[in-house]
Amino acid sequence: MKAIGIFVLVLLTAIGVAMYVTTRPPDRNLDAQGRAWVAGFTTWRAGMARAVDRAEVEIGVTQGEQLSPRHIAPLRDCAASLAQVGAPPSLLEQVMTDAGTACGEVEYALSLNARYGRPALASTKQHLHRAGRWLEAAELSLQRQLDTSKS
């Protein structure tokens, strides 16, 4: 009887250890390189969000045929400047995906602006607005992952 009790105890312990090992969340602690990536991404996202907001506002008040070159210039290099931030830690890959989608929206908005001018300003503004929302999604995803890592 005692042997059965010990066997059950050892079996339950082994099952518990196996469950913990296979279901534990990934390591969410960032090393120095991960923290540097977060800082670089946060700076990039804030600058790009400001540029998108300025371009959206200009569309709302513009009398011209297209967005002005001074508003297009910071947007033109969205994807290239995002690439300069570097590869994210695996924990934050979704953040980079959301930011990349934002850059796709920006590039499409700029192509509409260049191709059609004033008749496409509403569509251009719509794509810039979507880009702004993707940038917000990236920020929320980043905060969610960082908050989870503190728990």
N, C-alpha and C. Protein backbone atom coordinates (compact mmCIF):
# COMPACT_ATOMS: atom_id res chain seq x y z
N MET A 1 0.82 -1.18 0.00
CA MET A 1 0.00 0.00 0.00
C MET A 1 0.87 1.26 0.00
N LYS A 2 1.94 1.24 0.81
CA LYS A 2 2.84 2.37 0.88
C LYS A 2 3.54 2.59 -0.47
N ALA A 3 3.88 1.51 -1.16
CA ALA A 3 4.55 1.60 -2.46
C ALA A 3 3.63 2.25 -3.49
N ILE A 4 2.35 1.93 -3.43
CA ILE A 4 1.40 2.53 -4.36
C ILE A 4 1.30 4.04 -4.10
N GLY A 5 1.27 4.43 -2.86
CA GLY A 5 1.21 5.84 -2.50
C GLY A 5 2.42 6.60 -3.00
N ILE A 6 3.60 6.02 -2.83
CA ILE A 6 4.83 6.67 -3.31
C ILE A 6 4.81 6.76 -4.83
N PHE A 7 4.37 5.67 -5.47
CA PHE A 7 4.30 5.67 -6.93
C PHE A 7 3.35 6.77 -7.42
N VAL A 8 2.19 6.92 -6.82
CA VAL A 8 1.22 7.95 -7.21
C VAL A 8 1.82 9.34 -6.98
N LEU A 9 2.49 9.55 -5.87
CA LEU A 9 3.12 10.83 -5.58
C LEU A 9 4.19 11.17 -6.62
N VAL A 10 5.03 10.21 -6.97
CA VAL A 10 6.08 10.42 -7.97
C VAL A 10 5.44 10.68 -9.33
N LEU A 11 4.39 9.93 -9.67
CA LEU A 11 3.70 10.11 -10.95
C LEU A 11 3.07 11.50 -11.05
N LEU A 12 2.41 11.95 -9.99
CA LEU A 12 1.79 13.29 -10.00
C LEU A 12 2.85 14.39 -10.09
N THR A 13 3.96 14.21 -9.42
CA THR A 13 5.04 15.17 -9.49
C THR A 13 5.61 15.24 -10.91
N ALA A 14 5.81 14.10 -11.53
CA ALA A 14 6.33 14.05 -12.90
C ALA A 14 5.35 14.71 -13.87
N ILE A 15 4.07 14.45 -13.70
CA ILE A 15 3.06 15.07 -14.56
C ILE A 15 3.07 16.58 -14.37
N GLY A 16 3.16 17.03 -13.13
CA GLY A 16 3.19 18.47 -12.85
C GLY A 16 4.40 19.15 -13.48
N VAL A 17 5.57 18.54 -13.37
CA VAL A 17 6.78 19.09 -13.96
C VAL A 17 6.65 19.12 -15.48
N ALA A 18 6.14 18.05 -16.06
CA ALA A 18 5.97 17.99 -17.52
C ALA A 18 4.99 19.06 -17.99
N MET A 19 3.90 19.26 -17.27
CA MET A 19 2.92 20.29 -17.64
C MET A 19 3.55 21.68 -17.56
N TYR A 20 4.32 21.93 -16.52
CA TYR A 20 4.96 23.25 -16.38
C TYR A 20 5.93 23.51 -17.52
N VAL A 21 6.75 22.52 -17.83
CA VAL A 21 7.77 22.69 -18.86
C VAL A 21 7.13 22.92 -20.23
N THR A 22 6.03 22.23 -20.52
CA THR A 22 5.42 22.35 -21.85
C THR A 22 4.46 23.51 -21.99
N THR A 23 3.96 24.06 -20.90
CA THR A 23 2.96 25.13 -21.00
C THR A 23 3.40 26.46 -20.45
N ARG A 24 4.60 26.57 -19.94
CA ARG A 24 5.04 27.85 -19.37
C ARG A 24 5.16 28.90 -20.47
N PRO A 25 4.91 30.15 -20.12
CA PRO A 25 5.03 31.21 -21.12
C PRO A 25 6.49 31.40 -21.51
N PRO A 26 6.73 31.96 -22.69
CA PRO A 26 8.12 32.20 -23.09
C PRO A 26 8.79 33.21 -22.16
N ASP A 27 10.09 33.19 -22.16
CA ASP A 27 10.83 34.15 -21.34
C ASP A 27 10.55 35.55 -21.85
N ARG A 28 10.07 36.41 -20.99
CA ARG A 28 9.68 37.75 -21.39
C ARG A 28 10.65 38.81 -20.87
N ASN A 29 11.74 38.40 -20.32
CA ASN A 29 12.73 39.38 -19.86
C ASN A 29 13.62 39.78 -21.02
N LEU A 30 13.75 41.07 -21.22
CA LEU A 30 14.58 41.57 -22.30
C LEU A 30 16.00 41.81 -21.82
N ASP A 31 16.94 41.43 -22.66
CA ASP A 31 18.34 41.72 -22.35
C ASP A 31 18.64 43.15 -22.80
N ALA A 32 19.87 43.56 -22.70
CA ALA A 32 20.25 44.93 -23.07
C ALA A 32 19.95 45.22 -24.53
N GLN A 33 20.20 44.26 -25.40
CA GLN A 33 19.93 44.45 -26.82
C GLN A 33 18.42 44.60 -27.06
N GLY A 34 17.61 43.83 -26.36
CA GLY A 34 16.15 43.94 -26.48
C GLY A 34 15.65 45.29 -25.99
N ARG A 35 16.20 45.76 -24.87
CA ARG A 35 15.80 47.07 -24.36
C ARG A 35 16.22 48.18 -25.32
N ALA A 36 17.39 48.03 -25.95
CA ALA A 36 17.83 49.02 -26.93
C ALA A 36 16.89 49.02 -28.15
N TRP A 37 16.44 47.84 -28.56
CA TRP A 37 15.50 47.77 -29.69
C TRP A 37 14.20 48.48 -29.33
N VAL A 38 13.70 48.24 -28.11
CA VAL A 38 12.46 48.89 -27.67
C VAL A 38 12.63 50.41 -27.70
N ALA A 39 13.75 50.90 -27.21
CA ALA A 39 13.99 52.35 -27.21
C ALA A 39 14.03 52.90 -28.64
N GLY A 40 14.74 52.21 -29.52
CA GLY A 40 14.82 52.65 -30.92
C GLY A 40 13.46 52.60 -31.61
N PHE A 41 12.72 51.53 -31.36
CA PHE A 41 11.40 51.41 -31.98
C PHE A 41 10.45 52.49 -31.47
N THR A 42 10.48 52.74 -30.18
CA THR A 42 9.60 53.75 -29.59
C THR A 42 9.87 55.12 -30.19
N THR A 43 11.13 55.46 -30.36
CA THR A 43 11.50 56.73 -30.99
C THR A 43 11.02 56.77 -32.43
N TRP A 44 11.25 55.67 -33.17
CA TRP A 44 10.81 55.61 -34.57
C TRP A 44 9.29 55.75 -34.67
N ARG A 45 8.57 55.02 -33.85
CA ARG A 45 7.10 55.03 -33.91
C ARG A 45 6.55 56.41 -33.60
N ALA A 46 7.10 57.07 -32.61
CA ALA A 46 6.63 58.42 -32.25
C ALA A 46 6.85 59.39 -33.41
N GLY A 47 8.02 59.35 -34.02
CA GLY A 47 8.31 60.24 -35.15
C GLY A 47 7.41 59.95 -36.35
N MET A 48 7.20 58.67 -36.65
CA MET A 48 6.36 58.32 -37.79
C MET A 48 4.90 58.68 -37.51
N ALA A 49 4.45 58.49 -36.28
CA ALA A 49 3.07 58.85 -35.94
C ALA A 49 2.85 60.35 -36.09
N ARG A 50 3.84 61.16 -35.68
CA ARG A 50 3.74 62.62 -35.86
C ARG A 50 3.67 62.98 -37.35
N ALA A 51 4.50 62.34 -38.15
CA ALA A 51 4.51 62.64 -39.59
C ALA A 51 3.18 62.25 -40.24
N VAL A 52 2.62 61.13 -39.86
CA VAL A 52 1.33 60.70 -40.40
C VAL A 52 0.24 61.68 -39.97
N ASP A 53 0.25 62.06 -38.70
CA ASP A 53 -0.75 63.01 -38.20
C ASP A 53 -0.67 64.35 -38.95
N ARG A 54 0.55 64.85 -39.15
CA ARG A 54 0.71 66.13 -39.86
C ARG A 54 0.18 66.04 -41.29
N ALA A 55 0.46 64.94 -41.95
CA ALA A 55 -0.02 64.78 -43.33
C ALA A 55 -1.54 64.68 -43.35
N GLU A 56 -2.12 63.98 -42.39
CA GLU A 56 -3.59 63.89 -42.32
C GLU A 56 -4.21 65.27 -42.11
N VAL A 57 -3.63 66.05 -41.24
CA VAL A 57 -4.15 67.39 -40.97
C VAL A 57 -4.03 68.25 -42.22
N GLU A 58 -2.90 68.15 -42.91
CA GLU A 58 -2.72 68.95 -44.12
C GLU A 58 -3.79 68.62 -45.15
N ILE A 59 -4.12 67.34 -45.29
CA ILE A 59 -5.17 66.97 -46.24
C ILE A 59 -6.49 67.61 -45.85
N GLY A 60 -6.75 67.72 -44.57
CA GLY A 60 -7.99 68.32 -44.10
C GLY A 60 -8.10 69.80 -44.39
N VAL A 61 -6.97 70.47 -44.51
CA VAL A 61 -7.01 71.93 -44.70
C VAL A 61 -6.41 72.38 -46.03
N THR A 62 -5.94 71.46 -46.83
CA THR A 62 -5.22 71.83 -48.05
C THR A 62 -6.16 72.36 -49.13
N GLN A 63 -5.65 73.29 -49.86
CA GLN A 63 -6.34 73.78 -51.05
C GLN A 63 -5.57 73.35 -52.30
N GLY A 64 -4.43 72.72 -52.08
CA GLY A 64 -3.59 72.33 -53.20
C GLY A 64 -4.07 71.06 -53.86
N GLU A 65 -3.33 70.63 -54.84
CA GLU A 65 -3.69 69.44 -55.60
C GLU A 65 -3.16 68.17 -54.94
N GLN A 66 -2.08 68.29 -54.18
CA GLN A 66 -1.45 67.12 -53.59
C GLN A 66 -0.86 67.50 -52.24
N LEU A 67 -0.42 66.47 -51.51
CA LEU A 67 0.32 66.73 -50.28
C LEU A 67 1.62 67.46 -50.64
N SER A 68 2.04 68.35 -49.78
CA SER A 68 3.27 69.10 -50.05
C SER A 68 4.50 68.21 -49.83
N PRO A 69 5.57 68.51 -50.54
CA PRO A 69 6.80 67.72 -50.38
C PRO A 69 7.31 67.70 -48.94
N ARG A 70 7.09 68.77 -48.17
CA ARG A 70 7.59 68.77 -46.79
C ARG A 70 6.84 67.79 -45.91
N HIS A 71 5.60 67.44 -46.28
CA HIS A 71 4.86 66.43 -45.53
C HIS A 71 5.12 65.02 -46.05
N ILE A 72 5.48 64.93 -47.32
CA ILE A 72 5.76 63.63 -47.91
C ILE A 72 7.13 63.11 -47.49
N ALA A 73 8.11 64.00 -47.40
CA ALA A 73 9.50 63.60 -47.14
C ALA A 73 9.66 62.68 -45.92
N PRO A 74 9.08 63.00 -44.75
CA PRO A 74 9.29 62.09 -43.62
C PRO A 74 8.57 60.75 -43.78
N LEU A 75 7.55 60.71 -44.63
CA LEU A 75 6.79 59.48 -44.83
C LEU A 75 7.43 58.55 -45.86
N ARG A 76 8.14 59.16 -46.80
CA ARG A 76 8.66 58.41 -47.94
C ARG A 76 9.56 57.24 -47.51
N ASP A 77 10.29 57.41 -46.45
CA ASP A 77 11.26 56.38 -46.03
C ASP A 77 10.75 55.54 -44.86
N CYS A 78 9.46 55.37 -44.76
CA CYS A 78 8.89 54.64 -43.63
C CYS A 78 9.50 53.25 -43.48
N ALA A 79 9.43 52.45 -44.53
CA ALA A 79 9.92 51.07 -44.45
C ALA A 79 11.44 51.02 -44.23
N ALA A 80 12.16 51.90 -44.93
CA ALA A 80 13.62 51.91 -44.78
C ALA A 80 14.03 52.32 -43.37
N SER A 81 13.35 53.32 -42.83
CA SER A 81 13.71 53.76 -41.47
C SER A 81 13.30 52.71 -40.44
N LEU A 82 12.20 51.99 -40.71
CA LEU A 82 11.82 50.90 -39.81
C LEU A 82 12.85 49.79 -39.84
N ALA A 83 13.36 49.48 -41.03
CA ALA A 83 14.39 48.45 -41.16
C ALA A 83 15.65 48.81 -40.38
N GLN A 84 15.93 50.12 -40.28
CA GLN A 84 17.12 50.55 -39.54
C GLN A 84 16.97 50.31 -38.03
N VAL A 85 15.74 50.18 -37.57
CA VAL A 85 15.53 49.87 -36.15
C VAL A 85 16.09 48.49 -35.84
N GLY A 86 16.10 47.61 -36.84
CA GLY A 86 16.67 46.28 -36.69
C GLY A 86 15.61 45.25 -36.37
N ALA A 87 16.08 44.03 -36.26
CA ALA A 87 15.18 42.91 -35.98
C ALA A 87 14.79 42.93 -34.50
N PRO A 88 13.50 42.72 -34.22
CA PRO A 88 13.06 42.76 -32.83
C PRO A 88 13.38 41.45 -32.12
N PRO A 89 13.36 41.48 -30.79
CA PRO A 89 13.43 40.21 -30.06
C PRO A 89 12.22 39.37 -30.45
N SER A 90 12.34 38.06 -30.42
CA SER A 90 11.26 37.19 -30.88
C SER A 90 9.95 37.49 -30.16
N LEU A 91 10.04 37.91 -28.93
CA LEU A 91 8.86 38.25 -28.14
C LEU A 91 8.07 39.40 -28.77
N LEU A 92 8.73 40.26 -29.53
CA LEU A 92 8.11 41.49 -30.05
C LEU A 92 7.94 41.48 -31.56
N GLU A 93 7.92 40.31 -32.18
CA GLU A 93 7.78 40.23 -33.63
C GLU A 93 6.46 40.82 -34.11
N GLN A 94 5.39 40.68 -33.35
CA GLN A 94 4.09 41.22 -33.76
C GLN A 94 4.15 42.74 -33.84
N VAL A 95 4.92 43.34 -32.97
CA VAL A 95 5.08 44.80 -32.99
C VAL A 95 5.66 45.23 -34.34
N MET A 96 6.68 44.53 -34.79
CA MET A 96 7.32 44.85 -36.06
C MET A 96 6.37 44.58 -37.23
N THR A 97 5.57 43.53 -37.14
CA THR A 97 4.59 43.24 -38.18
C THR A 97 3.58 44.36 -38.31
N ASP A 98 3.06 44.84 -37.17
CA ASP A 98 2.10 45.94 -37.20
C ASP A 98 2.72 47.21 -37.78
N ALA A 99 3.95 47.49 -37.40
CA ALA A 99 4.64 48.67 -37.92
C ALA A 99 4.88 48.54 -39.42
N GLY A 100 5.22 47.35 -39.87
CA GLY A 100 5.41 47.12 -41.30
C GLY A 100 4.12 47.32 -42.08
N THR A 101 3.00 46.90 -41.51
CA THR A 101 1.71 47.12 -42.15
C THR A 101 1.41 48.61 -42.23
N ALA A 102 1.75 49.36 -41.18
CA ALA A 102 1.58 50.81 -41.21
C ALA A 102 2.38 51.42 -42.35
N CYS A 103 3.61 50.98 -42.53
CA CYS A 103 4.43 51.51 -43.62
C CYS A 103 3.83 51.16 -44.98
N GLY A 104 3.23 49.99 -45.10
CA GLY A 104 2.55 49.63 -46.35
C GLY A 104 1.41 50.59 -46.65
N GLU A 105 0.65 50.96 -45.63
CA GLU A 105 -0.44 51.91 -45.81
C GLU A 105 0.10 53.29 -46.19
N VAL A 106 1.18 53.69 -45.57
CA VAL A 106 1.80 54.99 -45.89
C VAL A 106 2.26 54.99 -47.35
N GLU A 107 2.94 53.94 -47.77
CA GLU A 107 3.43 53.88 -49.14
C GLU A 107 2.28 53.90 -50.14
N TYR A 108 1.20 53.21 -49.83
CA TYR A 108 0.05 53.22 -50.73
C TYR A 108 -0.58 54.62 -50.78
N ALA A 109 -0.68 55.26 -49.64
CA ALA A 109 -1.23 56.63 -49.60
C ALA A 109 -0.38 57.56 -50.45
N LEU A 110 0.93 57.44 -50.35
CA LEU A 110 1.82 58.30 -51.13
C LEU A 110 1.71 58.01 -52.63
N SER A 111 1.51 56.73 -52.96
CA SER A 111 1.37 56.40 -54.39
C SER A 111 0.07 56.99 -54.94
N LEU A 112 -1.01 56.97 -54.15
CA LEU A 112 -2.26 57.60 -54.58
C LEU A 112 -2.07 59.10 -54.75
N ASN A 113 -1.39 59.70 -53.79
CA ASN A 113 -1.15 61.14 -53.84
C ASN A 113 -0.35 61.51 -55.09
N ALA A 114 0.66 60.74 -55.40
CA ALA A 114 1.50 61.04 -56.55
C ALA A 114 0.76 60.79 -57.86
N ARG A 115 -0.05 59.75 -57.88
CA ARG A 115 -0.70 59.37 -59.13
C ARG A 115 -1.90 60.25 -59.46
N TYR A 116 -2.72 60.55 -58.46
CA TYR A 116 -3.99 61.19 -58.76
C TYR A 116 -4.15 62.61 -58.21
N GLY A 117 -3.37 62.98 -57.23
CA GLY A 117 -3.50 64.33 -56.68
C GLY A 117 -4.83 64.54 -55.97
N ARG A 118 -5.40 65.71 -56.16
CA ARG A 118 -6.59 66.13 -55.42
C ARG A 118 -7.75 65.13 -55.47
N PRO A 119 -8.07 64.53 -56.63
CA PRO A 119 -9.19 63.60 -56.62
C PRO A 119 -9.00 62.41 -55.67
N ALA A 120 -7.77 62.12 -55.32
CA ALA A 120 -7.52 60.98 -54.44
C ALA A 120 -7.18 61.39 -53.01
N LEU A 121 -7.33 62.66 -52.66
CA LEU A 121 -6.94 63.09 -51.32
C LEU A 121 -7.75 62.38 -50.24
N ALA A 122 -9.03 62.11 -50.48
CA ALA A 122 -9.83 61.40 -49.47
C ALA A 122 -9.30 59.99 -49.27
N SER A 123 -8.95 59.31 -50.36
CA SER A 123 -8.39 57.96 -50.24
C SER A 123 -7.01 58.00 -49.59
N THR A 124 -6.24 59.01 -49.96
CA THR A 124 -4.91 59.16 -49.35
C THR A 124 -5.06 59.35 -47.85
N LYS A 125 -5.99 60.21 -47.45
CA LYS A 125 -6.21 60.45 -46.03
C LYS A 125 -6.67 59.17 -45.32
N GLN A 126 -7.53 58.41 -45.98
CA GLN A 126 -8.01 57.16 -45.40
C GLN A 126 -6.84 56.19 -45.14
N HIS A 127 -5.93 56.08 -46.08
CA HIS A 127 -4.79 55.17 -45.90
C HIS A 127 -3.82 55.71 -44.85
N LEU A 128 -3.67 57.01 -44.78
CA LEU A 128 -2.84 57.58 -43.72
C LEU A 128 -3.48 57.31 -42.35
N HIS A 129 -4.79 57.42 -42.29
CA HIS A 129 -5.49 57.13 -41.03
C HIS A 129 -5.29 55.67 -40.63
N ARG A 130 -5.38 54.76 -41.60
CA ARG A 130 -5.12 53.34 -41.30
C ARG A 130 -3.69 53.15 -40.82
N ALA A 131 -2.76 53.85 -41.45
CA ALA A 131 -1.36 53.74 -41.00
C ALA A 131 -1.23 54.18 -39.55
N GLY A 132 -1.90 55.29 -39.20
CA GLY A 132 -1.87 55.76 -37.82
C GLY A 132 -2.44 54.73 -36.86
N ARG A 133 -3.49 54.05 -37.27
CA ARG A 133 -4.08 53.02 -36.41
C ARG A 133 -3.16 51.81 -36.26
N TRP A 134 -2.45 51.44 -37.33
CA TRP A 134 -1.49 50.35 -37.22
C TRP A 134 -0.32 50.73 -36.32
N LEU A 135 0.08 51.99 -36.38
CA LEU A 135 1.14 52.45 -35.46
C LEU A 135 0.66 52.39 -34.02
N GLU A 136 -0.61 52.73 -33.79
CA GLU A 136 -1.17 52.61 -32.44
C GLU A 136 -1.22 51.15 -32.01
N ALA A 137 -1.60 50.27 -32.94
CA ALA A 137 -1.65 48.83 -32.63
C ALA A 137 -0.26 48.32 -32.25
N ALA A 138 0.76 48.79 -32.96
CA ALA A 138 2.13 48.38 -32.64
C ALA A 138 2.50 48.84 -31.23
N GLU A 139 2.14 50.08 -30.90
CA GLU A 139 2.44 50.60 -29.56
C GLU A 139 1.70 49.80 -28.48
N LEU A 140 0.44 49.49 -28.72
CA LEU A 140 -0.34 48.71 -27.75
C LEU A 140 0.23 47.31 -27.58
N SER A 141 0.62 46.71 -28.69
CA SER A 141 1.21 45.37 -28.63
C SER A 141 2.52 45.41 -27.85
N LEU A 142 3.32 46.43 -28.08
CA LEU A 142 4.57 46.58 -27.34
C LEU A 142 4.30 46.73 -25.86
N GLN A 143 3.37 47.60 -25.50
CA GLN A 143 3.05 47.81 -24.08
C GLN A 143 2.50 46.54 -23.43
N ARG A 144 1.65 45.83 -24.16
CA ARG A 144 1.08 44.60 -23.62
C ARG A 144 2.18 43.58 -23.34
N GLN A 145 3.12 43.43 -24.28
CA GLN A 145 4.21 42.47 -24.08
C GLN A 145 5.12 42.90 -22.93
N LEU A 146 5.40 44.20 -22.85
CA LEU A 146 6.28 44.68 -21.77
C LEU A 146 5.58 44.58 -20.42
N ASP A 147 4.28 44.87 -20.35
CA ASP A 147 3.55 44.73 -19.10
C ASP A 147 3.50 43.27 -18.67
N THR A 148 3.33 42.38 -19.62
CA THR A 148 3.30 40.95 -19.31
C THR A 148 4.64 40.49 -18.79
N SER A 149 5.71 41.10 -19.29
CA SER A 149 7.05 40.67 -18.87
C SER A 149 7.33 41.08 -17.42
N LYS A 150 6.62 42.07 -16.91
CA LYS A 150 6.83 42.51 -15.53
C LYS A 150 6.14 41.59 -14.53
N SER A 151 5.16 40.82 -15.00
CA SER A 151 4.40 39.94 -14.08
C SER A 151 5.20 38.74 -13.69
